[in-house]
């Protein structure tokens, strides 16, 4: 719970407002970013699978999307730039990319052994 409180305090400090954050809301909202960006990491890995640097390209692509996502919130009324989302985004797309990279290595070894 200390991490959740820290995330809430940092978010309030950066966005210069005080929100009555409850723990369930913070956990659900931040973990949703991880799940969403995991799906993006999987999709980006599959898209870049036939190119060199198969781990680096999707990570860079996902990082750009994450930055654009946060920047676009500035222009939308009721939304706010929230830098505390970035670690959760990063965790998500790293998980997605690693799942595909690990699965790819496993699949190649399995095909070679057959």
PDB file of N, CA and C in Angstrom:
ATOM      1  N   UNK A   1       0.813  -1.197   0.000  1.00  0.00           N
ATOM      2  CA  UNK A   1       0.000   0.000   0.000  1.00  0.00           C
ATOM      3  C   UNK A   1       0.857   1.261   0.000  1.00  0.00           C
ATOM      4  N   UNK A   2       2.092   1.151   0.468  1.00  0.00           N
ATOM      5  CA  UNK A   2       2.966   2.315   0.463  1.00  0.00           C
ATOM      6  C   UNK A   2       3.260   2.772  -0.957  1.00  0.00           C
ATOM      7  N   UNK A   3       3.400   1.817  -1.880  1.00  0.00           N
ATOM      8  CA  UNK A   3       3.654   2.169  -3.276  1.00  0.00           C
ATOM      9  C   UNK A   3       2.452   2.896  -3.859  1.00  0.00           C
ATOM     10  N   UNK A   4       1.259   2.421  -3.564  1.00  0.00           N
ATOM     11  CA  UNK A   4       0.045   3.054  -4.067  1.00  0.00           C
ATOM     12  C   UNK A   4      -0.072   4.470  -3.520  1.00  0.00           C
ATOM     13  N   UNK A   5       0.211   4.651  -2.236  1.00  0.00           N
ATOM     14  CA  UNK A   5       0.179   5.990  -1.648  1.00  0.00           C
ATOM     15  C   UNK A   5       1.213   6.907  -2.284  1.00  0.00           C
ATOM     16  N   UNK A   6       2.394   6.350  -2.561  1.00  0.00           N
ATOM     17  CA  UNK A   6       3.438   7.135  -3.207  1.00  0.00           C
ATOM     18  C   UNK A   6       3.001   7.560  -4.603  1.00  0.00           C
ATOM     19  N   UNK A   7       2.436   6.646  -5.369  1.00  0.00           N
ATOM     20  CA  UNK A   7       1.951   6.974  -6.715  1.00  0.00           C
ATOM     21  C   UNK A   7       0.882   8.069  -6.638  1.00  0.00           C
ATOM     22  N   UNK A   8      -0.022   7.959  -5.689  1.00  0.00           N
ATOM     23  CA  UNK A   8      -1.083   8.962  -5.534  1.00  0.00           C
ATOM     24  C   UNK A   8      -0.501  10.325  -5.177  1.00  0.00           C
ATOM     25  N   UNK A   9       0.462  10.344  -4.269  1.00  0.00           N
ATOM     26  CA  UNK A   9       1.067  11.625  -3.866  1.00  0.00           C
ATOM     27  C   UNK A   9       1.833  12.267  -5.023  1.00  0.00           C
ATOM     28  N   UNK A  10       2.592  11.458  -5.766  1.00  0.00           N
ATOM     29  CA  UNK A  10       3.345  11.983  -6.906  1.00  0.00           C
ATOM     30  C   UNK A  10       2.384  12.524  -7.959  1.00  0.00           C
ATOM     31  N   UNK A  11       1.315  11.773  -8.235  1.00  0.00           N
ATOM     32  CA  UNK A  11       0.323  12.221  -9.210  1.00  0.00           C
ATOM     33  C   UNK A  11      -0.307  13.548  -8.786  1.00  0.00           C
ATOM     34  N   UNK A  12      -0.686  13.659  -7.522  1.00  0.00           N
ATOM     35  CA  UNK A  12      -1.292  14.897  -7.039  1.00  0.00           C
ATOM     36  C   UNK A  12      -0.313  16.065  -7.105  1.00  0.00           C
ATOM     37  N   UNK A  13       0.953  15.803  -6.798  1.00  0.00           N
ATOM     38  CA  UNK A  13       1.966  16.858  -6.837  1.00  0.00           C
ATOM     39  C   UNK A  13       2.185  17.339  -8.266  1.00  0.00           C
ATOM     40  N   UNK A  14       2.307  16.397  -9.197  1.00  0.00           N
ATOM     41  CA  UNK A  14       2.552  16.752 -10.597  1.00  0.00           C
ATOM     42  C   UNK A  14       1.354  17.471 -11.194  1.00  0.00           C
ATOM     43  N   UNK A  15       0.165  16.965 -10.926  1.00  0.00           N
ATOM     44  CA  UNK A  15      -1.040  17.555 -11.504  1.00  0.00           C
ATOM     45  C   UNK A  15      -1.595  18.702 -10.677  1.00  0.00           C
ATOM     46  N   UNK A  16      -0.932  19.027  -9.582  1.00  0.00           N
ATOM     47  CA  UNK A  16      -1.266  20.149  -8.720  1.00  0.00           C
ATOM     48  C   UNK A  16      -2.725  20.167  -8.300  1.00  0.00           C
ATOM     49  N   UNK A  17      -3.192  18.991  -7.868  1.00  0.00           N
ATOM     50  CA  UNK A  17      -4.539  18.925  -7.326  1.00  0.00           C
ATOM     51  C   UNK A  17      -4.610  17.771  -6.337  1.00  0.00           C
ATOM     52  N   UNK A  18      -5.557  17.853  -5.490  1.00  0.00           N
ATOM     53  CA  UNK A  18      -5.716  16.843  -4.458  1.00  0.00           C
ATOM     54  C   UNK A  18      -6.951  16.014  -4.772  1.00  0.00           C
ATOM     55  N   UNK A  19      -6.755  14.722  -4.950  1.00  0.00           N
ATOM     56  CA  UNK A  19      -7.851  13.810  -5.241  1.00  0.00           C
ATOM     57  C   UNK A  19      -7.980  12.865  -4.063  1.00  0.00           C
ATOM     58  N   UNK A  20      -9.189  12.538  -3.725  1.00  0.00           N
ATOM     59  CA  UNK A  20      -9.399  11.546  -2.682  1.00  0.00           C
ATOM     60  C   UNK A  20      -9.243  10.176  -3.324  1.00  0.00           C
ATOM     61  N   UNK A  21      -8.019   9.690  -3.416  1.00  0.00           N
ATOM     62  CA  UNK A  21      -7.722   8.414  -4.054  1.00  0.00           C
ATOM     63  C   UNK A  21      -8.046   7.291  -3.092  1.00  0.00           C
ATOM     64  N   UNK A  22      -8.796   6.332  -3.547  1.00  0.00           N
ATOM     65  CA  UNK A  22      -8.894   5.116  -2.749  1.00  0.00           C
ATOM     66  C   UNK A  22      -8.017   4.065  -3.396  1.00  0.00           C
ATOM     67  N   UNK A  23      -7.560   3.147  -2.601  1.00  0.00           N
ATOM     68  CA  UNK A  23      -6.560   2.179  -3.035  1.00  0.00           C
ATOM     69  C   UNK A  23      -7.058   1.347  -4.207  1.00  0.00           C
ATOM     70  N   UNK A  24      -8.303   0.900  -4.176  1.00  0.00           N
ATOM     71  CA  UNK A  24      -8.836   0.064  -5.247  1.00  0.00           C
ATOM     72  C   UNK A  24      -8.827   0.797  -6.580  1.00  0.00           C
ATOM     73  N   UNK A  25      -9.156   2.084  -6.550  1.00  0.00           N
ATOM     74  CA  UNK A  25      -9.169   2.872  -7.779  1.00  0.00           C
ATOM     75  C   UNK A  25      -7.768   2.970  -8.370  1.00  0.00           C
ATOM     76  N   UNK A  26      -6.792   3.261  -7.531  1.00  0.00           N
ATOM     77  CA  UNK A  26      -5.418   3.410  -8.004  1.00  0.00           C
ATOM     78  C   UNK A  26      -4.924   2.100  -8.603  1.00  0.00           C
ATOM     79  N   UNK A  27      -5.126   1.013  -7.884  1.00  0.00           N
ATOM     80  CA  UNK A  27      -4.657  -0.289  -8.354  1.00  0.00           C
ATOM     81  C   UNK A  27      -5.334  -0.653  -9.669  1.00  0.00           C
ATOM     82  N   UNK A  28      -6.640  -0.513  -9.738  1.00  0.00           N
ATOM     83  CA  UNK A  28      -7.376  -0.874 -10.947  1.00  0.00           C
ATOM     84  C   UNK A  28      -6.960  -0.016 -12.131  1.00  0.00           C
ATOM     85  N   UNK A  29      -6.860   1.286 -11.911  1.00  0.00           N
ATOM     86  CA  UNK A  29      -6.538   2.201 -12.996  1.00  0.00           C
ATOM     87  C   UNK A  29      -5.119   1.992 -13.517  1.00  0.00           C
ATOM     88  N   UNK A  30      -4.181   1.835 -12.615  1.00  0.00           N
ATOM     89  CA  UNK A  30      -2.788   1.668 -13.035  1.00  0.00           C
ATOM     90  C   UNK A  30      -2.562   0.291 -13.653  1.00  0.00           C
ATOM     91  N   UNK A  31      -3.170  -0.733 -13.099  1.00  0.00           N
ATOM     92  CA  UNK A  31      -3.019  -2.069 -13.677  1.00  0.00           C
ATOM     93  C   UNK A  31      -3.696  -2.170 -15.042  1.00  0.00           C
ATOM     94  N   UNK A  32      -4.734  -1.370 -15.239  1.00  0.00           N
ATOM     95  CA  UNK A  32      -5.379  -1.346 -16.556  1.00  0.00           C
ATOM     96  C   UNK A  32      -4.391  -0.866 -17.622  1.00  0.00           C
ATOM     97  N   UNK A  33      -3.552   0.088 -17.259  1.00  0.00           N
ATOM     98  CA  UNK A  33      -2.519   0.537 -18.196  1.00  0.00           C
ATOM     99  C   UNK A  33      -1.577  -0.611 -18.536  1.00  0.00           C
ATOM    100  N   UNK A  34      -1.206  -1.387 -17.542  1.00  0.00           N
ATOM    101  CA  UNK A  34      -0.307  -2.514 -17.775  1.00  0.00           C
ATOM    102  C   UNK A  34      -0.942  -3.528 -18.716  1.00  0.00           C
ATOM    103  N   UNK A  35      -2.204  -3.829 -18.507  1.00  0.00           N
ATOM    104  CA  UNK A  35      -2.899  -4.793 -19.365  1.00  0.00           C
ATOM    105  C   UNK A  35      -3.027  -4.252 -20.787  1.00  0.00           C
ATOM    106  N   UNK A  36      -3.429  -2.997 -20.923  1.00  0.00           N
ATOM    107  CA  UNK A  36      -3.584  -2.399 -22.250  1.00  0.00           C
ATOM    108  C   UNK A  36      -2.267  -2.397 -23.018  1.00  0.00           C
ATOM    109  N   UNK A  37      -1.210  -2.000 -22.351  1.00  0.00           N
ATOM    110  CA  UNK A  37       0.075  -1.918 -23.033  1.00  0.00           C
ATOM    111  C   UNK A  37       0.712  -3.286 -23.239  1.00  0.00           C
ATOM    112  N   UNK A  38       0.300  -4.285 -22.473  1.00  0.00           N
ATOM    113  CA  UNK A  38       0.732  -5.658 -22.764  1.00  0.00           C
ATOM    114  C   UNK A  38       0.190  -6.084 -24.122  1.00  0.00           C
ATOM    115  N   UNK A  39      -1.074  -5.771 -24.358  1.00  0.00           N
ATOM    116  CA  UNK A  39      -1.684  -6.090 -25.658  1.00  0.00           C
ATOM    117  C   UNK A  39      -0.975  -5.329 -26.777  1.00  0.00           C
ATOM    118  N   UNK A  40      -0.626  -4.079 -26.532  1.00  0.00           N
ATOM    119  CA  UNK A  40       0.107  -3.308 -27.534  1.00  0.00           C
ATOM    120  C   UNK A  40       1.486  -3.918 -27.776  1.00  0.00           C
ATOM    121  N   UNK A  41       2.146  -4.354 -26.706  1.00  0.00           N
ATOM    122  CA  UNK A  41       3.460  -4.991 -26.849  1.00  0.00           C
ATOM    123  C   UNK A  41       3.392  -6.263 -27.676  1.00  0.00           C
ATOM    124  N   UNK A  42       2.355  -7.064 -27.453  1.00  0.00           N
ATOM    125  CA  UNK A  42       2.164  -8.289 -28.242  1.00  0.00           C
ATOM    126  C   UNK A  42       1.938  -7.929 -29.711  1.00  0.00           C
ATOM    127  N   UNK A  43       1.045  -6.985 -29.958  1.00  0.00           N
ATOM    128  CA  UNK A  43       0.739  -6.595 -31.341  1.00  0.00           C
ATOM    129  C   UNK A  43       1.963  -6.010 -32.040  1.00  0.00           C
ATOM    130  N   UNK A  44       2.696  -5.158 -31.345  1.00  0.00           N
ATOM    131  CA  UNK A  44       3.888  -4.553 -31.945  1.00  0.00           C
ATOM    132  C   UNK A  44       4.947  -5.608 -32.228  1.00  0.00           C
ATOM    133  N   UNK A  45       5.100  -6.567 -31.328  1.00  0.00           N
ATOM    134  CA  UNK A  45       6.075  -7.643 -31.543  1.00  0.00           C
ATOM    135  C   UNK A  45       5.717  -8.476 -32.762  1.00  0.00           C
ATOM    136  N   UNK A  46       4.453  -8.768 -32.915  1.00  0.00           N
ATOM    137  CA  UNK A  46       4.014  -9.532 -34.083  1.00  0.00           C
ATOM    138  C   UNK A  46       4.203  -8.728 -35.362  1.00  0.00           C
ATOM    139  N   UNK A  47       3.944  -7.433 -35.297  1.00  0.00           N
ATOM    140  CA  UNK A  47       4.111  -6.566 -36.468  1.00  0.00           C
ATOM    141  C   UNK A  47       5.576  -6.486 -36.891  1.00  0.00           C
ATOM    142  N   UNK A  48       6.473  -6.346 -35.927  1.00  0.00           N
ATOM    143  CA  UNK A  48       7.898  -6.193 -36.222  1.00  0.00           C
ATOM    144  C   UNK A  48       8.644  -7.527 -36.258  1.00  0.00           C
ATOM    145  N   UNK A  49       7.954  -8.641 -36.258  1.00  0.00           N
ATOM    146  CA  UNK A  49       8.602  -9.948 -36.122  1.00  0.00           C
ATOM    147  C   UNK A  49       9.514 -10.325 -37.281  1.00  0.00           C
ATOM    148  N   UNK A  50       9.292  -9.772 -38.459  1.00  0.00           N
ATOM    149  CA  UNK A  50      10.127 -10.153 -39.608  1.00  0.00           C
ATOM    150  C   UNK A  50      11.298  -9.202 -39.822  1.00  0.00           C
ATOM    151  N   UNK A  51      11.529  -8.318 -38.888  1.00  0.00           N
ATOM    152  CA  UNK A  51      12.618  -7.348 -39.011  1.00  0.00           C
ATOM    153  C   UNK A  51      13.730  -7.669 -38.030  1.00  0.00           C
ATOM    154  N   UNK A  52      14.904  -7.071 -38.276  1.00  0.00           N
ATOM    155  CA  UNK A  52      16.002  -7.211 -37.319  1.00  0.00           C
ATOM    156  C   UNK A  52      15.653  -6.468 -36.039  1.00  0.00           C
ATOM    157  N   UNK A  53      16.357  -6.766 -34.988  1.00  0.00           N
ATOM    158  CA  UNK A  53      16.132  -6.139 -33.679  1.00  0.00           C
ATOM    159  C   UNK A  53      14.682  -6.334 -33.244  1.00  0.00           C
ATOM    160  N   UNK A  54      14.242  -7.577 -33.230  1.00  0.00           N
ATOM    161  CA  UNK A  54      12.831  -7.868 -32.998  1.00  0.00           C
ATOM    162  C   UNK A  54      12.344  -7.478 -31.610  1.00  0.00           C
ATOM    163  N   UNK A  55      13.232  -7.235 -30.662  1.00  0.00           N
ATOM    164  CA  UNK A  55      12.793  -6.785 -29.345  1.00  0.00           C
ATOM    165  C   UNK A  55      12.873  -5.265 -29.246  1.00  0.00           C
ATOM    166  N   UNK A  56      13.890  -4.687 -29.841  1.00  0.00           N
ATOM    167  CA  UNK A  56      14.095  -3.246 -29.739  1.00  0.00           C
ATOM    168  C   UNK A  56      13.028  -2.442 -30.482  1.00  0.00           C
ATOM    169  N   UNK A  57      12.701  -2.841 -31.702  1.00  0.00           N
ATOM    170  CA  UNK A  57      11.721  -2.089 -32.498  1.00  0.00           C
ATOM    171  C   UNK A  57      10.354  -1.979 -31.826  1.00  0.00           C
ATOM    172  N   UNK A  58       9.761  -3.084 -31.346  1.00  0.00           N
ATOM    173  CA  UNK A  58       8.465  -2.931 -30.692  1.00  0.00           C
ATOM    174  C   UNK A  58       8.536  -2.129 -29.393  1.00  0.00           C
ATOM    175  N   UNK A  59       9.650  -2.224 -28.663  1.00  0.00           N
ATOM    176  CA  UNK A  59       9.781  -1.433 -27.434  1.00  0.00           C
ATOM    177  C   UNK A  59       9.819   0.058 -27.744  1.00  0.00           C
ATOM    178  N   UNK A  60      10.565   0.437 -28.773  1.00  0.00           N
ATOM    179  CA  UNK A  60      10.624   1.848 -29.169  1.00  0.00           C
ATOM    180  C   UNK A  60       9.260   2.315 -29.654  1.00  0.00           C
ATOM    181  N   UNK A  61       8.608   1.504 -30.477  1.00  0.00           N
ATOM    182  CA  UNK A  61       7.274   1.846 -30.974  1.00  0.00           C
ATOM    183  C   UNK A  61       6.294   2.060 -29.819  1.00  0.00           C
ATOM    184  N   UNK A  62       6.286   1.136 -28.870  1.00  0.00           N
ATOM    185  CA  UNK A  62       5.368   1.238 -27.731  1.00  0.00           C
ATOM    186  C   UNK A  62       5.679   2.452 -26.860  1.00  0.00           C
ATOM    187  N   UNK A  63       6.955   2.766 -26.690  1.00  0.00           N
ATOM    188  CA  UNK A  63       7.327   3.947 -25.909  1.00  0.00           C
ATOM    189  C   UNK A  63       6.807   5.221 -26.569  1.00  0.00           C
ATOM    190  N   UNK A  64       6.915   5.283 -27.884  1.00  0.00           N
ATOM    191  CA  UNK A  64       6.400   6.448 -28.615  1.00  0.00           C
ATOM    192  C   UNK A  64       4.892   6.556 -28.455  1.00  0.00           C
ATOM    193  N   UNK A  65       4.199   5.431 -28.569  1.00  0.00           N
ATOM    194  CA  UNK A  65       2.746   5.437 -28.395  1.00  0.00           C
ATOM    195  C   UNK A  65       2.374   5.888 -26.983  1.00  0.00           C
ATOM    196  N   UNK A  66       3.110   5.440 -25.998  1.00  0.00           N
ATOM    197  CA  UNK A  66       2.853   5.818 -24.609  1.00  0.00           C
ATOM    198  C   UNK A  66       3.022   7.328 -24.407  1.00  0.00           C
ATOM    199  N   UNK A  67       4.069   7.882 -24.996  1.00  0.00           N
ATOM    200  CA  UNK A  67       4.298   9.331 -24.886  1.00  0.00           C
ATOM    201  C   UNK A  67       3.198  10.105 -25.600  1.00  0.00           C
ATOM    202  N   UNK A  68       2.844   9.674 -26.801  1.00  0.00           N
ATOM    203  CA  UNK A  68       1.784  10.346 -27.567  1.00  0.00           C
ATOM    204  C   UNK A  68       0.453  10.259 -26.814  1.00  0.00           C
ATOM    205  N   UNK A  69       0.177   9.109 -26.198  1.00  0.00           N
ATOM    206  CA  UNK A  69      -1.046   8.933 -25.421  1.00  0.00           C
ATOM    207  C   UNK A  69      -1.129   9.958 -24.290  1.00  0.00           C
ATOM    208  N   UNK A  70      -0.053  10.108 -23.546  1.00  0.00           N
ATOM    209  CA  UNK A  70      -0.066  11.069 -22.446  1.00  0.00           C
ATOM    210  C   UNK A  70      -0.146  12.510 -22.947  1.00  0.00           C
ATOM    211  N   UNK A  71       0.562  12.816 -24.020  1.00  0.00           N
ATOM    212  CA  UNK A  71       0.543  14.179 -24.552  1.00  0.00           C
ATOM    213  C   UNK A  71      -0.829  14.542 -25.110  1.00  0.00           C
ATOM    214  N   UNK A  72      -1.506  13.569 -25.707  1.00  0.00           N
ATOM    215  CA  UNK A  72      -2.819  13.863 -26.278  1.00  0.00           C
ATOM    216  C   UNK A  72      -3.850  14.176 -25.203  1.00  0.00           C
ATOM    217  N   UNK A  73      -3.636  13.679 -24.011  1.00  0.00           N
ATOM    218  CA  UNK A  73      -4.577  13.946 -22.918  1.00  0.00           C
ATOM    219  C   UNK A  73      -4.604  15.414 -22.529  1.00  0.00           C
ATOM    220  N   UNK A  74      -3.554  16.136 -22.831  1.00  0.00           N
ATOM    221  CA  UNK A  74      -3.502  17.562 -22.506  1.00  0.00           C
ATOM    222  C   UNK A  74      -4.606  18.318 -23.242  1.00  0.00           C
ATOM    223  N   UNK A  75      -4.919  17.896 -24.461  1.00  0.00           N
ATOM    224  CA  UNK A  75      -5.899  18.596 -25.297  1.00  0.00           C
ATOM    225  C   UNK A  75      -7.339  18.150 -25.055  1.00  0.00           C
ATOM    226  N   UNK A  76      -7.547  17.131 -24.233  1.00  0.00           N
ATOM    227  CA  UNK A  76      -8.885  16.596 -24.021  1.00  0.00           C
ATOM    228  C   UNK A  76      -9.419  17.096 -22.682  1.00  0.00           C
ATOM    229  N   UNK A  77     -10.553  17.829 -22.708  1.00  0.00           N
ATOM    230  CA  UNK A  77     -11.112  18.310 -21.455  1.00  0.00           C
ATOM    231  C   UNK A  77     -11.464  17.158 -20.503  1.00  0.00           C
ATOM    232  N   UNK A  78     -11.117  17.326 -19.242  1.00  0.00           N
ATOM    233  CA  UNK A  78     -11.395  16.298 -18.253  1.00  0.00           C
ATOM    234  C   UNK A  78     -10.300  15.265 -18.123  1.00  0.00           C
ATOM    235  N   UNK A  79      -9.334  15.282 -19.015  1.00  0.00           N
ATOM    236  CA  UNK A  79      -8.196  14.357 -18.945  1.00  0.00           C
ATOM    237  C   UNK A  79      -6.970  15.153 -18.545  1.00  0.00           C
ATOM    238  N   UNK A  80      -5.965  14.464 -18.062  1.00  0.00           N
ATOM    239  CA  UNK A  80      -4.762  15.157 -17.639  1.00  0.00           C
ATOM    240  C   UNK A  80      -3.526  14.326 -17.962  1.00  0.00           C
ATOM    241  N   UNK A  81      -2.442  15.028 -18.193  1.00  0.00           N
ATOM    242  CA  UNK A  81      -1.147  14.393 -18.376  1.00  0.00           C
ATOM    243  C   UNK A  81      -0.773  13.753 -17.040  1.00  0.00           C
ATOM    244  N   UNK A  82      -0.468  12.477 -17.062  1.00  0.00           N
ATOM    245  CA  UNK A  82      -0.170  11.764 -15.817  1.00  0.00           C
ATOM    246  C   UNK A  82       1.101  10.943 -16.001  1.00  0.00           C
ATOM    247  N   UNK A  83       2.208  11.514 -15.566  1.00  0.00           N
ATOM    248  CA  UNK A  83       3.496  10.853 -15.731  1.00  0.00           C
ATOM    249  C   UNK A  83       3.582   9.566 -14.915  1.00  0.00           C
ATOM    250  N   UNK A  84       2.744   9.427 -13.898  1.00  0.00           N
ATOM    251  CA  UNK A  84       2.774   8.205 -13.077  1.00  0.00           C
ATOM    252  C   UNK A  84       2.209   6.999 -13.824  1.00  0.00           C
ATOM    253  N   UNK A  85       1.616   7.212 -15.000  1.00  0.00           N
ATOM    254  CA  UNK A  85       1.154   6.093 -15.821  1.00  0.00           C
ATOM    255  C   UNK A  85       2.306   5.427 -16.568  1.00  0.00           C
ATOM    256  N   UNK A  86       3.368   6.169 -16.845  1.00  0.00           N
ATOM    257  CA  UNK A  86       4.448   5.651 -17.675  1.00  0.00           C
ATOM    258  C   UNK A  86       5.110   4.385 -17.143  1.00  0.00           C
ATOM    259  N   UNK A  87       5.405   4.276 -15.868  1.00  0.00           N
ATOM    260  CA  UNK A  87       6.006   3.006 -15.410  1.00  0.00           C
ATOM    261  C   UNK A  87       5.087   1.804 -15.647  1.00  0.00           C
ATOM    262  N   UNK A  88       3.791   2.011 -15.504  1.00  0.00           N
ATOM    263  CA  UNK A  88       2.831   0.928 -15.719  1.00  0.00           C
ATOM    264  C   UNK A  88       2.695   0.607 -17.201  1.00  0.00           C
ATOM    265  N   UNK A  89       2.750   1.653 -18.050  1.00  0.00           N
ATOM    266  CA  UNK A  89       2.767   1.432 -19.498  1.00  0.00           C
ATOM    267  C   UNK A  89       4.005   0.625 -19.876  1.00  0.00           C
ATOM    268  N   UNK A  90       5.160   1.062 -19.368  1.00  0.00           N
ATOM    269  CA  UNK A  90       6.432   0.407 -19.667  1.00  0.00           C
ATOM    270  C   UNK A  90       6.398  -1.058 -19.238  1.00  0.00           C
ATOM    271  N   UNK A  91       5.924  -1.312 -18.048  1.00  0.00           N
ATOM    272  CA  UNK A  91       5.824  -2.683 -17.563  1.00  0.00           C
ATOM    273  C   UNK A  91       4.943  -3.508 -18.498  1.00  0.00           C
ATOM    274  N   UNK A  92       3.842  -2.935 -18.946  1.00  0.00           N
ATOM    275  CA  UNK A  92       2.930  -3.636 -19.837  1.00  0.00           C
ATOM    276  C   UNK A  92       3.558  -4.009 -21.155  1.00  0.00           C
ATOM    277  N   UNK A  93       4.179  -3.038 -21.835  1.00  0.00           N
ATOM    278  CA  UNK A  93       4.708  -3.406 -23.142  1.00  0.00           C
ATOM    279  C   UNK A  93       5.957  -4.253 -23.048  1.00  0.00           C
ATOM    280  N   UNK A  94       6.694  -4.169 -21.971  1.00  0.00           N
ATOM    281  CA  UNK A  94       7.827  -5.083 -21.789  1.00  0.00           C
ATOM    282  C   UNK A  94       7.308  -6.509 -21.604  1.00  0.00           C
ATOM    283  N   UNK A  95       6.258  -6.667 -20.826  1.00  0.00           N
ATOM    284  CA  UNK A  95       5.660  -7.999 -20.638  1.00  0.00           C
ATOM    285  C   UNK A  95       5.177  -8.550 -21.978  1.00  0.00           C
ATOM    286  N   UNK A  96       4.459  -7.741 -22.750  1.00  0.00           N
ATOM    287  CA  UNK A  96       3.947  -8.188 -24.044  1.00  0.00           C
ATOM    288  C   UNK A  96       5.045  -8.579 -25.006  1.00  0.00           C
ATOM    289  N   UNK A  97       6.092  -7.769 -25.079  1.00  0.00           N
ATOM    290  CA  UNK A  97       7.205  -8.053 -25.982  1.00  0.00           C
ATOM    291  C   UNK A  97       7.945  -9.312 -25.530  1.00  0.00           C
ATOM    292  N   UNK A  98       8.157  -9.448 -24.232  1.00  0.00           N
ATOM    293  CA  UNK A  98       8.864 -10.625 -23.720  1.00  0.00           C
ATOM    294  C   UNK A  98       8.067 -11.912 -23.909  1.00  0.00           C
ATOM    295  N   UNK A  99       6.748 -11.827 -23.805  1.00  0.00           N
ATOM    296  CA  UNK A  99       5.918 -13.012 -24.042  1.00  0.00           C
ATOM    297  C   UNK A  99       6.106 -13.505 -25.468  1.00  0.00           C
ATOM    298  N   UNK A 100       6.061 -12.592 -26.418  1.00  0.00           N
ATOM    299  CA  UNK A 100       6.228 -12.986 -27.818  1.00  0.00           C
ATOM    300  C   UNK A 100       7.662 -13.436 -28.089  1.00  0.00           C
ATOM    301  N   UNK A 101       8.648 -12.743 -27.534  1.00  0.00           N
ATOM    302  CA  UNK A 101      10.050 -13.135 -27.758  1.00  0.00           C
ATOM    303  C   UNK A 101      10.321 -14.519 -27.177  1.00  0.00           C
ATOM    304  N   UNK A 102       9.830 -14.769 -25.974  1.00  0.00           N
ATOM    305  CA  UNK A 102      10.018 -16.076 -25.343  1.00  0.00           C
ATOM    306  C   UNK A 102       9.283 -17.162 -26.118  1.00  0.00           C
ATOM    307  N   UNK A 103       8.053 -16.875 -26.514  1.00  0.00           N
ATOM    308  CA  UNK A 103       7.284 -17.833 -27.302  1.00  0.00           C
ATOM    309  C   UNK A 103       7.939 -18.126 -28.635  1.00  0.00           C
ATOM    310  N   UNK A 104       8.526 -17.119 -29.246  1.00  0.00           N
ATOM    311  CA  UNK A 104       9.199 -17.296 -30.530  1.00  0.00           C
ATOM    312  C   UNK A 104      10.419 -18.202 -30.395  1.00  0.00           C
ATOM    313  N   UNK A 105      11.205 -17.968 -29.352  1.00  0.00           N
ATOM    314  CA  UNK A 105      12.383 -18.814 -29.118  1.00  0.00           C
ATOM    315  C   UNK A 105      11.953 -20.250 -28.841  1.00  0.00           C
ATOM    316  N   UNK A 106      10.934 -20.428 -28.018  1.00  0.00           N
ATOM    317  CA  UNK A 106      10.429 -21.768 -27.703  1.00  0.00           C
ATOM    318  C   UNK A 106       9.919 -22.464 -28.966  1.00  0.00           C
ATOM    319  N   UNK A 107       9.166 -21.729 -29.770  1.00  0.00           N
ATOM    320  CA  UNK A 107       8.588 -22.313 -30.987  1.00  0.00           C
ATOM    321  C   UNK A 107       9.677 -22.722 -31.979  1.00  0.00           C
ATOM    322  N   UNK A 108      10.721 -21.891 -32.119  1.00  0.00           N
ATOM    323  CA  UNK A 108      11.821 -22.235 -33.029  1.00  0.00           C
ATOM    324  C   UNK A 108      12.552 -23.477 -32.553  1.00  0.00           C
ATOM    325  N   UNK A 109      12.814 -23.601 -31.267  1.00  0.00           N
ATOM    326  CA  UNK A 109      13.477 -24.787 -30.726  1.00  0.00           C
ATOM    327  C   UNK A 109      12.613 -26.025 -30.916  1.00  0.00           C
ATOM    328  N   UNK A 110      11.338 -25.862 -30.713  1.00  0.00           N
ATOM    329  CA  UNK A 110      10.421 -26.994 -30.865  1.00  0.00           C
ATOM    330  C   UNK A 110      10.366 -27.467 -32.317  1.00  0.00           C
ATOM    331  N   UNK A 111      10.325 -26.527 -33.257  1.00  0.00           N
ATOM    332  CA  UNK A 111      10.288 -26.893 -34.673  1.00  0.00           C
ATOM    333  C   UNK A 111      11.584 -27.572 -35.113  1.00  0.00           C
ATOM    334  N   UNK A 112      12.703 -27.131 -34.545  1.00  0.00           N
ATOM    335  CA  UNK A 112      13.992 -27.732 -34.901  1.00  0.00           C
ATOM    336  C   UNK A 112      14.109 -29.163 -34.368  1.00  0.00           C
ATOM    337  N   UNK A 113      13.496 -29.415 -33.234  1.00  0.00           N
ATOM    338  CA  UNK A 113      13.594 -30.762 -32.646  1.00  0.00           C
ATOM    339  C   UNK A 113      12.668 -31.763 -33.322  1.00  0.00           C
ATOM    340  N   UNK A 114      11.702 -31.291 -34.093  1.00  0.00           N
ATOM    341  CA  UNK A 114      10.779 -32.212 -34.770  1.00  0.00           C
ATOM    342  C   UNK A 114      11.327 -32.736 -36.042  1.00  0.00           C
TER     343      UNK A 114
END
